[in-house]
Amino acid sequence: MNDLDYNKAIYGYIYSLWETSGLSIRGFAAIHTFEERSMRDIIKAVKEDKDYQISLPTLYKICESLNISLSQFFIEVEKWQNSN
């Protein structure tokens, strides 16, 4: 998988978490303690098949809110990628 594929897998996975949560964009971002703007950028990237590079601090905040390590997050992303 190249860098672009990893980026797409990461924001695709986050998008799927949001979609299945049933929360608004604002609600999802608030629960995971990151900026609503970042979530909007992720959604736009998924819908328009564009590249978006999420920041490490944002990933860390998401991991904290999910109670998982960063390494576990990447394992989950890979599982999600392999199932899609």
Protein backbone atom coordinates (compact mmCIF):
# COMPACT_ATOMS: atom_id res chain seq x y z
CA MET A 1 0.00 0.00 0.00
CA ASN A 2 1.47 3.39 -0.91
CA ASP A 3 1.13 6.60 1.14
CA LEU A 4 -1.97 7.72 -0.74
CA ASP A 5 -3.65 4.37 -0.09
CA TYR A 6 -2.85 4.63 3.63
CA ASN A 7 -4.28 8.15 3.77
CA LYS A 8 -7.46 7.03 2.01
CA ALA A 9 -7.76 4.03 4.31
CA ILE A 10 -7.36 6.21 7.41
CA TYR A 11 -9.96 8.77 6.48
CA GLY A 12 -12.20 6.11 4.97
CA TYR A 13 -12.15 4.28 8.29
CA ILE A 14 -12.90 7.46 10.24
CA TYR A 15 -15.72 8.23 7.81
CA SER A 16 -17.18 4.76 8.41
CA LEU A 17 -17.00 5.30 12.19
CA TRP A 18 -18.91 8.55 11.76
CA GLU A 19 -21.47 7.00 9.40
CA THR A 20 -22.25 4.12 11.75
CA SER A 21 -22.35 6.38 14.82
CA GLY A 22 -25.53 8.13 13.72
CA LEU A 23 -24.12 11.37 15.09
CA SER A 24 -23.99 14.74 13.41
CA ILE A 25 -20.62 15.90 12.13
CA ARG A 26 -20.37 18.30 15.07
CA GLY A 27 -21.39 15.62 17.57
CA PHE A 28 -18.91 13.07 16.24
CA ALA A 29 -16.06 15.59 16.27
CA ALA A 30 -16.97 16.74 19.79
CA ILE A 31 -17.07 13.21 21.20
CA HIS A 32 -13.70 12.46 19.64
CA THR A 33 -12.32 15.87 20.72
CA PHE A 34 -11.15 17.13 17.35
CA GLU A 35 -12.19 20.00 15.11
CA GLU A 36 -15.45 19.78 13.22
CA ARG A 37 -13.59 21.26 10.24
CA SER A 38 -11.32 18.20 10.14
CA MET A 39 -14.34 15.91 9.95
CA ARG A 40 -15.82 18.00 7.16
CA ASP A 41 -12.49 17.71 5.29
CA ILE A 42 -12.54 13.92 5.76
CA ILE A 43 -16.11 13.68 4.46
CA LYS A 44 -15.26 15.85 1.46
CA ALA A 45 -12.19 13.74 0.69
CA VAL A 46 -14.21 10.52 0.80
CA LYS A 47 -17.10 11.82 -1.27
CA GLU A 48 -14.92 13.53 -3.87
CA ASP A 49 -12.17 10.88 -3.85
CA LYS A 50 -9.58 13.49 -2.93
CA ASP A 51 -6.48 13.17 -0.81
CA TYR A 52 -6.55 14.46 2.75
CA GLN A 53 -3.74 14.07 5.22
CA ILE A 54 -5.04 13.96 8.75
CA SER A 55 -2.74 15.33 11.44
CA LEU A 56 -1.12 13.12 14.04
CA PRO A 57 -2.64 15.13 16.92
CA THR A 58 -6.11 14.53 15.45
CA LEU A 59 -5.43 10.80 15.14
CA TYR A 60 -4.18 10.76 18.72
CA LYS A 61 -7.36 12.49 19.95
CA ILE A 62 -9.52 9.97 18.12
CA CYS A 63 -7.52 7.10 19.64
CA GLU A 64 -7.86 8.57 23.13
CA SER A 65 -11.61 8.86 22.73
CA LEU A 66 -11.84 5.27 21.47
CA ASN A 67 -9.59 4.10 24.32
CA ILE A 68 -7.13 2.46 21.93
CA SER A 69 -3.47 2.95 21.13
CA LEU A 70 -2.30 4.49 17.89
CA SER A 71 -0.93 1.11 16.83
CA GLN A 72 -4.32 -0.51 17.49
CA PHE A 73 -5.96 2.23 15.43
CA PHE A 74 -3.77 1.32 12.46
CA ILE A 75 -4.61 -2.36 12.93
CA GLU A 76 -8.31 -1.44 12.82
CA VAL A 77 -7.77 0.68 9.71
CA GLU A 78 -6.04 -2.23 8.00
CA LYS A 79 -8.84 -4.63 8.95
CA TRP A 80 -11.40 -2.17 7.63
CA GLN A 81 -9.42 -1.69 4.41
CA ASN A 82 -9.17 -5.44 3.84
CA SER A 83 -12.91 -5.90 4.33
CA ASN A 84 -13.84 -3.20 1.78
